[in-house]
Amino acid sequence: MDIDSVIDQVNALVYGQLRMAGEDPAVEAAGEAIVRAMEPALRQAGMILAEQAAAEVGAQIADRRVEVVLNQGQPSLIVRDSDQTVTVSTDELDARITVRLPETLKEDIETAAQDLGDSVNTFVVRALASTTRAGHNSSRATFKGTIDT
């Protein structure tokens, strides 16, 4: 994410509005003071948006964690493997559901389960448990992850 270019665009818009005010030096001076004062607030807003994006993306990919990392003052989203391993007890697999899905998705699930060395049932139960737990643990209002500076 390039916060500097966004700040430059906001500055250009403000200066464009100032030009509409005419050639009044007092208006220009006040506008320039406002632009300078806005920069830290715009940087903070950019970081808040990056944190919200990380939380939103992290909530949608339960088997990964999303971090906001600063690189030369610019935030980047990094997707990493989750530290949490979803464990499912196979002792109490009594409930059943029937799911109708496209044949191609069924084949993809079978392939993914085979790649992991799991049965289709274990693969689906883990995926559902992981997604369900991530949904309960996610919050769109808070940031989860790390910020490296």
Protein backbone atom coordinates (compact mmCIF):
# COMPACT_ATOMS: atom_id res chain seq x y z
CA MET A 1 0.00 0.00 0.00
CA ASP A 2 1.32 3.39 -0.89
CA ILE A 3 0.13 5.91 1.70
CA ASP A 4 2.41 8.63 0.27
CA SER A 5 0.62 8.64 -3.09
CA VAL A 6 -2.78 8.84 -1.37
CA ILE A 7 -1.58 11.79 0.72
CA ASP A 8 -0.27 13.46 -2.45
CA GLN A 9 -3.68 12.98 -4.10
CA VAL A 10 -5.51 14.48 -1.11
CA ASN A 11 -3.07 17.41 -1.07
CA ALA A 12 -3.64 18.00 -4.79
CA LEU A 13 -7.40 18.00 -4.25
CA VAL A 14 -7.13 20.48 -1.37
CA TYR A 15 -4.83 22.76 -3.39
CA GLY A 16 -7.30 22.55 -6.28
CA GLN A 17 -10.03 23.78 -3.96
CA LEU A 18 -7.75 26.55 -2.70
CA ARG A 19 -7.16 27.76 -6.27
CA MET A 20 -10.92 28.22 -6.57
CA ALA A 21 -10.75 30.66 -3.64
CA GLY A 22 -8.80 33.12 -5.75
CA GLU A 23 -5.45 34.73 -5.16
CA ASP A 24 -6.03 35.59 -1.50
CA PRO A 25 -2.70 35.05 0.36
CA ALA A 26 -4.50 34.55 3.68
CA VAL A 27 -6.63 31.74 2.22
CA GLU A 28 -3.57 30.13 0.64
CA ALA A 29 -1.62 30.30 3.91
CA ALA A 30 -4.52 28.81 5.87
CA GLY A 31 -4.92 26.06 3.27
CA GLU A 32 -1.24 25.17 3.37
CA ALA A 33 -1.36 25.02 7.17
CA ILE A 34 -4.35 22.67 6.95
CA VAL A 35 -2.57 20.43 4.44
CA ARG A 36 0.52 20.20 6.68
CA ALA A 37 -1.65 19.45 9.73
CA MET A 38 -3.60 16.75 7.87
CA GLU A 39 -0.60 14.62 6.90
CA PRO A 40 -0.18 12.78 10.25
CA ALA A 41 -3.94 12.18 10.43
CA LEU A 42 -3.94 10.83 6.86
CA ARG A 43 -1.02 8.50 7.67
CA GLN A 44 -2.86 7.23 10.72
CA ALA A 45 -6.03 6.75 8.67
CA GLY A 46 -4.01 4.74 6.14
CA MET A 47 -2.67 2.49 8.89
CA ILE A 48 -6.17 2.00 10.31
CA LEU A 49 -7.41 1.01 6.85
CA ALA A 50 -4.51 -1.44 6.47
CA GLU A 51 -5.34 -2.96 9.87
CA GLN A 52 -9.01 -3.25 8.94
CA ALA A 53 -8.08 -4.87 5.62
CA ALA A 54 -5.87 -7.38 7.46
CA ALA A 55 -8.70 -8.23 9.87
CA GLU A 56 -11.20 -8.57 7.03
CA VAL A 57 -8.96 -10.79 4.90
CA GLY A 58 -7.90 -12.79 7.97
CA ALA A 59 -11.54 -13.48 8.82
CA GLN A 60 -12.07 -14.88 5.33
CA ILE A 61 -9.08 -17.24 5.26
CA ALA A 62 -9.28 -19.20 8.46
CA ASP A 63 -6.18 -21.33 7.91
CA ARG A 64 -3.91 -18.29 7.56
CA ARG A 65 -3.09 -15.16 9.52
CA VAL A 66 -2.75 -11.75 7.96
CA GLU A 67 -0.22 -9.29 9.29
CA VAL A 68 0.40 -5.63 8.60
CA VAL A 69 4.12 -5.10 8.09
CA LEU A 70 5.74 -1.69 7.67
CA ASN A 71 8.34 -1.43 4.94
CA GLN A 72 9.97 2.01 4.71
CA GLY A 73 6.93 3.54 6.41
CA GLN A 74 4.45 1.90 4.03
CA PRO A 75 2.09 -0.84 5.27
CA SER A 76 1.95 -4.18 3.47
CA LEU A 77 -0.33 -7.12 4.11
CA ILE A 78 1.49 -10.41 4.56
CA VAL A 79 -0.39 -13.71 4.60
CA ARG A 80 1.28 -16.42 6.67
CA ASP A 81 0.43 -19.94 7.75
CA SER A 82 -1.60 -19.97 10.93
CA ASP A 83 0.11 -20.95 14.16
CA GLN A 84 -3.12 -22.55 15.31
CA THR A 85 -3.69 -26.13 14.30
CA VAL A 86 -7.30 -27.17 14.24
CA THR A 87 -7.76 -30.44 16.06
CA VAL A 88 -11.01 -32.31 15.85
CA SER A 89 -11.92 -35.13 18.17
CA THR A 90 -13.05 -38.13 16.15
CA ASP A 91 -14.55 -39.75 19.26
CA GLU A 92 -17.87 -37.94 18.95
CA LEU A 93 -18.69 -37.90 15.27
CA ASP A 94 -22.37 -38.69 15.71
CA ALA A 95 -24.08 -35.85 13.85
CA ARG A 96 -24.71 -36.03 10.12
CA ILE A 97 -25.54 -33.50 7.45
CA THR A 98 -26.14 -33.89 3.75
CA VAL A 99 -24.53 -31.37 1.47
CA ARG A 100 -25.26 -31.03 -2.22
CA LEU A 101 -22.35 -29.66 -4.22
CA PRO A 102 -21.04 -29.62 -7.76
CA GLU A 103 -19.16 -32.71 -8.89
CA THR A 104 -16.05 -30.63 -9.61
CA LEU A 105 -16.00 -29.30 -6.02
CA LYS A 106 -16.39 -32.85 -4.70
CA GLU A 107 -13.41 -33.91 -6.81
CA ASP A 108 -11.38 -30.94 -5.55
CA ILE A 109 -12.21 -31.88 -1.94
CA GLU A 110 -11.21 -35.49 -2.55
CA THR A 111 -7.92 -34.39 -4.11
CA ALA A 112 -7.16 -31.94 -1.28
CA ALA A 113 -7.94 -34.57 1.35
CA GLN A 114 -5.74 -37.12 -0.41
CA ASP A 115 -2.89 -34.58 -0.67
CA LEU A 116 -3.06 -34.11 3.12
CA GLY A 117 -3.36 -37.83 3.79
CA ASP A 118 -6.84 -37.38 5.28
CA SER A 119 -10.15 -38.99 4.58
CA VAL A 120 -12.71 -36.77 2.90
CA ASN A 121 -14.73 -36.77 6.12
CA THR A 122 -11.76 -35.67 8.27
CA PHE A 123 -10.80 -33.02 5.72
CA VAL A 124 -14.33 -31.56 5.61
CA VAL A 125 -14.75 -31.67 9.41
CA ARG A 126 -11.42 -29.86 9.90
CA ALA A 127 -12.26 -27.25 7.27
CA LEU A 128 -15.67 -26.60 8.80
CA ALA A 129 -14.24 -26.46 12.33
CA SER A 130 -11.49 -24.07 11.26
CA THR A 131 -13.89 -21.77 9.45
CA THR A 132 -16.40 -21.82 12.27
CA ARG A 133 -13.76 -21.05 14.90
CA ALA A 134 -12.31 -18.26 12.78
CA GLY A 135 -15.77 -16.74 12.43
CA HIS A 136 -16.24 -16.73 16.20
CA ASN A 137 -12.79 -15.29 16.83
CA SER A 138 -12.83 -12.60 14.16
CA SER A 139 -13.78 -9.01 14.67
CA ARG A 140 -14.07 -6.37 12.03
CA ALA A 141 -13.41 -3.66 14.58
CA THR A 142 -10.06 -4.90 15.92
CA PHE A 143 -6.70 -5.72 14.43
CA LYS A 144 -5.17 -9.19 14.76
CA GLY A 145 -1.61 -9.68 13.64
CA THR A 146 1.79 -8.15 14.11
CA ILE A 147 3.34 -4.93 12.94
CA ASP A 148 7.05 -5.11 12.23
CA THR A 149 8.78 -1.74 12.24
